[in-house]
Amino acid sequence: MASRVDWDHYFMNVARVVSSRATCDRRRVGAVIVRNRTILATGYNGSVSGLPHCDDVGHMMEDGHCVATIHAELNAVVQAARNGVRIEGASIYITASPCWNCFKVLANAGIRRICYGAFYRDDRSFDAARVLGIEMVHVPLVGDSIPVPPS
């Protein structure tokens, strides 16, 4: 009998599929907000609805970052808000660890567990998570070669 994938890897795999909808080719990220093993919302990085996509017109670069896109985890929070879905106490699965700005939004939205596939640039969220009691869990995606920050 084949073994079943555990819940963390299951939802991280869903986040990876969600990332396939991303519209900024600098980094394709997907996010899934989950509570009680139920998907509440998803998001991927892309342009503001109604504006052209980076993949189509190029990037809006500032200080080495594309600022035209909204990050995946913020799009997931926005999707939940637009649909009246309460996310306080939920977990989020993201194919890359949250940047500092996204972490702050997730913390204030009441996300209690952040599962990430690859480390992305900024380790400030890890220190703040320890202080706030937010669990940060590395759930590696097959083929990831980006290092995890020290715990």
Protein backbone atom coordinates (compact mmCIF):
# COMPACT_ATOMS: atom_id res chain seq x y z
CA MET A 1 0.00 0.00 0.00
CA ALA A 2 1.32 3.46 -0.92
CA SER A 3 1.98 5.84 1.95
CA ARG A 4 -0.07 8.99 2.23
CA VAL A 5 1.55 12.41 2.27
CA ASP A 6 1.31 14.20 5.62
CA TRP A 7 -0.94 17.28 5.95
CA ASP A 8 1.90 19.82 5.89
CA HIS A 9 3.28 18.47 2.63
CA TYR A 10 -0.22 18.11 1.19
CA PHE A 11 -1.01 21.79 1.73
CA MET A 12 2.48 22.86 0.63
CA ASN A 13 1.93 20.90 -2.58
CA VAL A 14 -1.35 22.80 -3.05
CA ALA A 15 0.57 26.07 -2.53
CA ARG A 16 3.02 24.99 -5.22
CA VAL A 17 0.15 24.42 -7.67
CA VAL A 18 -1.31 27.82 -6.73
CA SER A 19 2.09 29.39 -7.52
CA SER A 20 1.69 28.23 -11.12
CA ARG A 21 -0.85 31.08 -11.55
CA ALA A 22 1.71 33.75 -10.51
CA THR A 23 2.29 36.50 -13.07
CA CYS A 24 5.74 37.78 -12.04
CA ASP A 25 8.50 35.56 -13.35
CA ARG A 26 11.10 36.93 -10.92
CA ARG A 27 9.67 34.56 -8.31
CA ARG A 28 6.48 32.54 -8.53
CA VAL A 29 4.98 32.12 -5.06
CA GLY A 30 1.76 30.48 -3.90
CA ALA A 31 -0.03 30.65 -0.55
CA VAL A 32 -2.84 28.64 1.04
CA ILE A 33 -4.61 29.60 4.28
CA VAL A 34 -5.90 26.59 6.19
CA ARG A 35 -7.84 25.91 9.38
CA ASN A 36 -8.92 22.47 10.59
CA ARG A 37 -7.49 20.87 7.43
CA THR A 38 -9.81 23.00 5.29
CA ILE A 39 -8.59 25.50 2.69
CA LEU A 40 -9.97 28.96 3.45
CA ALA A 41 -8.21 31.05 0.79
CA THR A 42 -5.40 30.97 -1.75
CA GLY A 43 -3.18 33.59 -3.34
CA TYR A 44 -0.28 33.98 -5.72
CA ASN A 45 2.00 36.88 -6.52
CA GLY A 46 0.82 39.09 -9.32
CA SER A 47 -0.17 42.57 -10.41
CA VAL A 48 -3.09 44.57 -9.10
CA SER A 49 -6.30 43.23 -10.67
CA GLY A 50 -6.90 45.02 -13.94
CA LEU A 51 -3.31 46.18 -14.42
CA PRO A 52 -0.87 44.50 -16.84
CA HIS A 53 1.18 41.55 -15.61
CA CYS A 54 4.97 41.65 -15.26
CA ASP A 55 5.17 38.60 -17.50
CA ASP A 56 3.51 40.68 -20.25
CA VAL A 57 4.99 44.19 -19.86
CA GLY A 58 8.10 43.81 -17.71
CA HIS A 59 8.91 44.62 -14.12
CA MET A 60 8.56 47.83 -12.11
CA MET A 61 11.89 47.70 -10.30
CA GLU A 62 12.87 49.68 -7.17
CA ASP A 63 15.94 48.81 -5.11
CA GLY A 64 16.20 45.40 -6.75
CA HIS A 65 12.56 44.46 -6.10
CA CYS A 66 9.59 44.32 -8.44
CA VAL A 67 7.02 46.61 -6.80
CA ALA A 68 4.24 45.98 -9.32
CA THR A 69 3.26 42.71 -7.69
CA ILE A 70 1.25 41.92 -4.60
CA HIS A 71 2.77 39.02 -2.68
CA ALA A 72 0.99 35.68 -2.55
CA GLU A 73 0.24 35.70 1.16
CA LEU A 74 -1.31 39.18 0.95
CA ASN A 75 -3.46 38.10 -1.98
CA ALA A 76 -4.66 35.14 0.12
CA VAL A 77 -5.55 37.47 3.03
CA VAL A 78 -7.36 39.79 0.59
CA GLN A 79 -9.27 36.86 -0.92
CA ALA A 80 -10.40 35.79 2.54
CA ALA A 81 -11.47 39.34 3.43
CA ARG A 82 -13.38 39.83 0.17
CA ASN A 83 -15.28 36.60 0.82
CA GLY A 84 -15.92 37.23 4.52
CA VAL A 85 -13.76 34.31 5.65
CA ARG A 86 -12.33 34.54 9.18
CA ILE A 87 -8.64 33.56 9.22
CA GLU A 88 -7.74 34.27 12.84
CA GLY A 89 -6.02 31.23 14.32
CA ALA A 90 -5.34 29.70 10.90
CA SER A 91 -2.15 28.39 9.33
CA ILE A 92 -0.67 29.58 6.06
CA TYR A 93 1.42 27.54 3.65
CA ILE A 94 3.70 29.64 1.44
CA THR A 95 6.22 28.38 -1.10
CA ALA A 96 8.66 31.03 0.20
CA SER A 97 9.04 32.51 3.67
CA PRO A 98 7.26 35.84 4.12
CA CYS A 99 9.05 39.14 3.67
CA TRP A 100 8.93 41.47 6.65
CA ASN A 101 5.90 43.45 5.39
CA CYS A 102 3.90 40.29 4.67
CA PHE A 103 4.84 38.81 8.04
CA LYS A 104 3.47 41.90 9.81
CA VAL A 105 0.15 41.56 7.98
CA LEU A 106 -0.07 37.82 8.74
CA ALA A 107 0.67 38.44 12.42
CA ASN A 108 -1.99 41.15 12.69
CA ALA A 109 -4.49 38.99 10.78
CA GLY A 110 -4.12 36.38 13.54
CA ILE A 111 -2.25 33.69 11.59
CA ARG A 112 -0.73 31.40 14.24
CA ARG A 113 1.36 29.06 12.10
CA ILE A 114 3.45 29.91 9.03
CA CYS A 115 4.72 26.98 6.95
CA TYR A 116 7.18 27.92 4.22
CA GLY A 117 8.94 26.02 1.49
CA ALA A 118 12.08 28.08 0.86
CA PHE A 119 13.80 30.87 2.75
CA TYR A 120 13.28 34.28 1.11
CA ARG A 121 15.78 37.07 1.91
CA ASP A 122 14.61 38.35 5.28
CA ASP A 123 14.99 36.65 8.64
CA ARG A 124 13.39 39.41 10.77
CA SER A 125 10.07 37.54 10.70
CA PHE A 126 11.68 34.53 12.41
CA ASP A 127 12.79 36.62 15.40
CA ALA A 128 9.43 38.39 15.66
CA ALA A 129 7.55 35.08 15.37
CA ARG A 130 9.42 33.73 18.41
CA VAL A 131 8.42 36.77 20.45
CA LEU A 132 4.79 36.61 19.26
CA GLY A 133 4.39 32.85 19.64
CA ILE A 134 3.78 32.31 15.93
CA GLU A 135 5.07 28.94 14.80
CA MET A 136 7.41 29.04 11.77
CA VAL A 137 7.75 25.63 10.12
CA HIS A 138 10.02 24.75 7.22
CA VAL A 139 8.23 22.32 4.91
CA PRO A 140 10.74 21.72 2.12
CA LEU A 141 9.54 21.33 -1.42
CA VAL A 142 11.24 18.63 -3.45
CA GLY A 143 14.11 20.17 -5.40
CA ASP A 144 14.55 23.23 -3.14
CA SER A 145 18.14 24.29 -2.85
CA ILE A 146 17.69 27.56 -0.95
CA PRO A 147 19.10 27.39 2.61
CA VAL A 148 16.98 27.67 5.72
CA PRO A 149 18.01 30.36 8.22
CA PRO A 150 19.48 29.06 11.48
CA SER A 151 16.95 28.45 14.26
